[in-house]
Protein backbone atom coordinates (compact mmCIF):
# COMPACT_ATOMS: atom_id res chain seq x y z
CA UNK A 1 -37.25 -38.50 -18.98
CA UNK A 2 -34.95 -41.07 -17.31
CA UNK A 3 -32.32 -41.06 -20.02
CA UNK A 4 -32.35 -37.27 -20.16
CA UNK A 5 -31.85 -36.67 -16.45
CA UNK A 6 -29.88 -39.67 -15.12
CA UNK A 7 -26.21 -40.12 -15.76
CA UNK A 8 -25.77 -43.24 -18.00
CA UNK A 9 -23.30 -45.01 -15.79
CA UNK A 10 -25.05 -48.31 -16.15
CA UNK A 11 -26.27 -50.23 -19.20
CA UNK A 12 -29.90 -50.91 -18.37
CA UNK A 13 -32.35 -53.54 -19.65
CA UNK A 14 -35.26 -52.07 -21.56
CA UNK A 15 -37.57 -52.78 -18.61
CA UNK A 16 -39.27 -50.39 -16.11
CA UNK A 17 -40.04 -52.26 -12.91
CA UNK A 18 -43.04 -50.96 -10.82
CA UNK A 19 -43.64 -53.28 -7.93
CA UNK A 20 -42.71 -56.62 -6.44
CA UNK A 21 -43.99 -59.40 -4.23
CA UNK A 22 -41.93 -62.21 -2.86
CA UNK A 23 -39.65 -63.46 -5.65
CA UNK A 24 -41.55 -61.78 -8.45
CA UNK A 25 -41.56 -58.24 -9.99
CA UNK A 26 -43.90 -56.53 -12.34
CA UNK A 27 -43.20 -53.97 -15.04
CA UNK A 28 -45.32 -50.90 -15.86
CA UNK A 29 -47.06 -52.93 -18.61
CA UNK A 30 -48.12 -55.62 -16.21
CA UNK A 31 -45.49 -58.27 -17.21
CA UNK A 32 -44.44 -60.59 -14.40
CA UNK A 33 -40.83 -61.75 -14.01
CA UNK A 34 -39.07 -64.19 -11.65
CA UNK A 35 -36.42 -62.07 -9.84
CA UNK A 36 -33.26 -64.23 -9.76
CA UNK A 37 -30.99 -61.29 -8.88
CA UNK A 38 -32.53 -60.09 -5.58
CA UNK A 39 -31.40 -56.55 -6.29
CA UNK A 40 -27.80 -57.90 -6.75
CA UNK A 41 -27.98 -59.95 -3.58
CA UNK A 42 -29.62 -57.46 -1.23
CA UNK A 43 -33.28 -58.46 -1.21
CA UNK A 44 -32.81 -61.80 0.45
CA UNK A 45 -36.32 -61.84 1.90
CA UNK A 46 -37.91 -60.81 -1.37
CA UNK A 47 -40.09 -57.81 -2.23
CA UNK A 48 -42.87 -56.39 -0.03
CA UNK A 49 -42.14 -58.76 2.89
CA UNK A 50 -44.70 -58.00 5.57
CA UNK A 51 -42.27 -58.09 8.46
CA UNK A 52 -39.88 -55.61 6.70
CA UNK A 53 -42.87 -53.37 5.81
CA UNK A 54 -43.99 -53.43 9.49
CA UNK A 55 -40.54 -52.63 10.80
CA UNK A 56 -40.03 -49.79 8.36
CA UNK A 57 -43.37 -48.35 9.07
CA UNK A 58 -42.92 -48.49 12.80
CA UNK A 59 -39.42 -46.92 12.71
CA UNK A 60 -40.59 -44.15 10.35
CA UNK A 61 -43.03 -42.98 13.12
CA UNK A 62 -40.08 -42.63 15.57
CA UNK A 63 -36.80 -41.66 13.84
CA UNK A 64 -35.79 -41.76 10.21
CA UNK A 65 -32.10 -41.09 10.66
CA UNK A 66 -29.55 -40.17 13.31
CA UNK A 67 -25.88 -39.47 12.59
CA UNK A 68 -22.91 -41.32 14.08
CA UNK A 69 -22.59 -38.42 16.55
CA UNK A 70 -25.19 -40.14 18.67
CA UNK A 71 -25.98 -43.58 20.08
CA UNK A 72 -28.97 -45.51 19.06
CA UNK A 73 -30.19 -48.80 20.47
CA UNK A 74 -30.92 -50.70 17.32
CA UNK A 75 -27.42 -50.28 15.82
CA UNK A 76 -25.91 -51.66 19.10
CA UNK A 77 -28.25 -54.67 19.15
CA UNK A 78 -27.48 -55.48 15.55
CA UNK A 79 -23.75 -55.22 16.12
CA UNK A 80 -23.99 -57.52 19.13
CA UNK A 81 -25.97 -60.10 17.12
CA UNK A 82 -23.37 -60.11 14.37
CA UNK A 83 -20.41 -60.40 16.83
CA UNK A 84 -22.12 -63.22 18.68
CA UNK A 85 -22.49 -65.11 15.39
CA UNK A 86 -18.92 -64.55 14.14
CA UNK A 87 -16.23 -63.89 16.70
CA UNK A 88 -15.13 -61.29 19.31
CA UNK A 89 -14.60 -57.91 17.61
CA UNK A 90 -16.55 -54.95 16.41
CA UNK A 91 -18.77 -54.03 13.49
CA UNK A 92 -18.23 -51.11 11.15
CA UNK A 93 -21.42 -50.02 9.53
CA UNK A 94 -21.36 -48.30 6.10
CA UNK A 95 -23.45 -47.62 3.06
CA UNK A 96 -22.28 -49.84 0.26
CA UNK A 97 -19.97 -52.67 -0.67
CA UNK A 98 -17.44 -50.24 -2.20
CA UNK A 99 -17.36 -48.29 1.00
CA UNK A 100 -16.92 -51.45 3.03
CA UNK A 101 -13.90 -52.38 0.90
CA UNK A 102 -12.48 -48.94 1.11
CA UNK A 103 -12.58 -49.41 4.88
CA UNK A 104 -10.58 -52.66 4.53
CA UNK A 105 -8.06 -50.89 2.22
CA UNK A 106 -7.57 -48.29 4.88
CA UNK A 107 -7.27 -50.98 7.54
CA UNK A 108 -4.56 -52.63 5.44
CA UNK A 109 -2.57 -49.34 5.13
CA UNK A 110 -2.98 -48.65 8.82
CA UNK A 111 -1.87 -52.16 9.80
CA UNK A 112 1.38 -52.05 7.77
CA UNK A 113 2.16 -48.32 8.05
CA UNK A 114 4.72 -48.42 10.79
CA UNK A 115 6.74 -51.13 9.03
CA UNK A 116 6.46 -49.61 5.56
CA UNK A 117 4.16 -52.36 4.30
CA UNK A 118 1.26 -51.33 2.08
CA UNK A 119 1.00 -54.05 -0.56
CA UNK A 120 -2.35 -55.91 -1.02
CA UNK A 121 -2.50 -59.23 -2.88
CA UNK A 122 -5.81 -59.94 -4.57
CA UNK A 123 -6.99 -62.21 -7.45
CA UNK A 124 -7.56 -61.95 -11.16
CA UNK A 125 -11.25 -62.04 -12.27
CA UNK A 126 -12.24 -60.45 -8.88
CA UNK A 127 -14.47 -57.37 -8.45
CA UNK A 128 -14.18 -55.04 -5.50
CA UNK A 129 -16.21 -51.95 -6.43
CA UNK A 130 -16.12 -48.88 -8.61
CA UNK A 131 -14.18 -46.44 -6.47
CA UNK A 132 -10.63 -45.66 -7.59
CA UNK A 133 -9.21 -48.07 -5.00
CA UNK A 134 -11.89 -50.62 -5.76
CA UNK A 135 -11.10 -50.77 -9.46
CA UNK A 136 -7.38 -50.99 -8.66
CA UNK A 137 -8.10 -54.05 -6.47
CA UNK A 138 -10.31 -55.53 -9.06
CA UNK A 139 -8.64 -58.16 -11.32
CA UNK A 140 -10.41 -57.21 -14.51
CA UNK A 141 -8.85 -54.71 -16.97
CA UNK A 142 -12.22 -53.69 -18.46
CA UNK A 143 -13.22 -51.77 -15.33
CA UNK A 144 -9.91 -49.86 -15.18
CA UNK A 145 -9.93 -48.31 -18.62
CA UNK A 146 -10.10 -44.54 -18.67
CA UNK A 147 -9.41 -44.16 -14.91
CA UNK A 148 -5.57 -44.44 -15.01
CA UNK A 149 -3.20 -44.05 -13.30
CA UNK A 150 -4.36 -46.74 -10.93
CA UNK A 151 -4.06 -46.52 -7.14
CA UNK A 152 -0.73 -48.11 -6.22
CA UNK A 153 -0.18 -51.11 -3.98
CA UNK A 154 -2.29 -53.94 -5.44
CA UNK A 155 -0.84 -57.11 -6.94
CA UNK A 156 -2.96 -59.74 -8.68
CA UNK A 157 -2.47 -63.51 -8.84
CA UNK A 158 -4.54 -66.45 -10.03
CA UNK A 159 -7.59 -67.33 -8.00
CA UNK A 160 -7.34 -70.55 -6.06
CA UNK A 161 -3.62 -70.79 -6.63
CA UNK A 162 -2.04 -71.09 -3.23
CA UNK A 163 1.53 -71.22 -4.52
CA UNK A 164 1.04 -68.13 -6.62
CA UNK A 165 -0.19 -66.29 -3.57
CA UNK A 166 2.66 -67.58 -1.47
CA UNK A 167 5.22 -66.49 -4.05
CA UNK A 168 3.60 -63.07 -4.48
CA UNK A 169 4.15 -62.06 -0.81
CA UNK A 170 7.10 -59.71 -0.22
CA UNK A 171 8.43 -57.69 2.74
CA UNK A 172 6.08 -54.95 1.60
CA UNK A 173 2.95 -57.10 1.70
CA UNK A 174 0.47 -56.32 4.44
CA UNK A 175 -2.70 -58.13 3.37
CA UNK A 176 -4.16 -61.00 1.25
CA UNK A 177 -7.57 -59.79 0.14
CA UNK A 178 -10.03 -62.26 -1.58
CA UNK A 179 -13.62 -62.94 -2.54
CA UNK A 180 -14.39 -66.45 -1.27
CA UNK A 181 -16.83 -66.63 -4.14
CA UNK A 182 -16.23 -64.58 -7.28
CA UNK A 183 -19.48 -62.79 -7.89
CA UNK A 184 -19.03 -60.92 -11.18
CA UNK A 185 -16.84 -63.03 -13.40
CA UNK A 186 -18.77 -66.24 -12.79
CA UNK A 187 -19.62 -68.66 -10.02
CA UNK A 188 -16.19 -69.71 -8.89
CA UNK A 189 -15.63 -70.53 -5.23
CA UNK A 190 -12.40 -70.80 -3.25
CA UNK A 191 -11.66 -74.17 -1.82
CA UNK A 192 -11.99 -74.57 1.96
CA UNK A 193 -8.39 -75.96 1.97
CA UNK A 194 -7.11 -72.74 0.29
CA UNK A 195 -8.71 -70.47 2.85
CA UNK A 196 -7.51 -72.51 5.79
CA UNK A 197 -3.93 -72.63 4.43
CA UNK A 198 -4.04 -68.88 3.71
CA UNK A 199 -5.17 -68.29 7.26
CA UNK A 200 -2.11 -70.16 8.48
CA UNK A 201 0.20 -68.46 6.00
CA UNK A 202 -0.96 -65.00 7.10
CA UNK A 203 -0.39 -65.97 10.65
CA UNK A 204 3.08 -67.08 9.92
CA UNK A 205 4.00 -63.93 7.94
CA UNK A 206 2.07 -61.42 10.07
CA UNK A 207 -0.41 -60.64 7.30
CA UNK A 208 -4.05 -59.78 7.47
CA UNK A 209 -6.50 -62.13 5.62
CA UNK A 210 -9.38 -59.95 4.52
CA UNK A 211 -12.45 -61.37 2.75
CA UNK A 212 -14.89 -59.49 0.52
CA UNK A 213 -18.06 -61.44 1.08
CA UNK A 214 -20.49 -59.06 -0.53
CA UNK A 215 -21.72 -61.88 -2.74
CA UNK A 216 -21.08 -64.99 -0.74
CA UNK A 217 -21.70 -63.24 2.57
CA UNK A 218 -22.73 -64.61 5.86
CA UNK A 219 -26.31 -65.98 5.18
CA UNK A 220 -26.02 -64.98 1.56
CA UNK A 221 -25.54 -68.65 0.64
CA UNK A 222 -28.60 -69.82 2.66
CA UNK A 223 -26.74 -70.86 5.80
CA UNK A 224 -24.39 -69.20 8.31
C-alpha cells in the first residue's frame, strides 16, 4: 500500500516502525531498536516523552493552529527565550531546514541587492536541502543530477580552508554560508579559529556570515 501510494523520493529501510519510548523504537513485528538518528536530529528528548505529550494534549484542547495573520503568546515567548540565549535580534519561524535556508538565501540577495552583490560562498561536501536553491548551495554533485540548470550565484570552496574562502571572495560576494558541522557527508567540524577569522573577514569586507546549524544547532550538540 505504501509503495503504491507514496512517491518514492527516499530509499527506505525495509522496516515499518510503529511506536517509540525514550531512545528505543519498535517495528510492527515487535522488534526493538536503539534509535541513534532521533528522526534526523529532531527528537532530542526521545519518543513519547511525558512532558511533550502533556503539552501537546493541553494545547490541542485550546488551539491547533493559527496563521501568521494573528498574534499568539507562545510564539512570542519562544522567540524571546531564543533571543535571550543568543543575541539581540529577531526569530524567523518556518517549517523545515530547507525553508530556513531559503530564508537565508533571500536575506543574502536582499543584503547585497543595491550594490549588485548576489554571490554566496559555500563549501564542498555540504548539504543545504532539496529545494532548487538548496541543491545549488550543496557541495555534492550527486544531489544536483537531473535538476539542471542550477540556481545561479553559488560558489564552492574546500571546507576548513580559510585561504580558499578568502581568495573566493569577489566584489559580487555578499555572503559566506557554512555548516559549522557537516551533517550528511560525515562528521567534520569547522575549527573555532576558522569561524572566528571568517567573522573578522566578513566584517572587514562587509559580508554576512550565515551558518546552517540544522545538524550542529544550538543544543543539538548537548550544550548551548
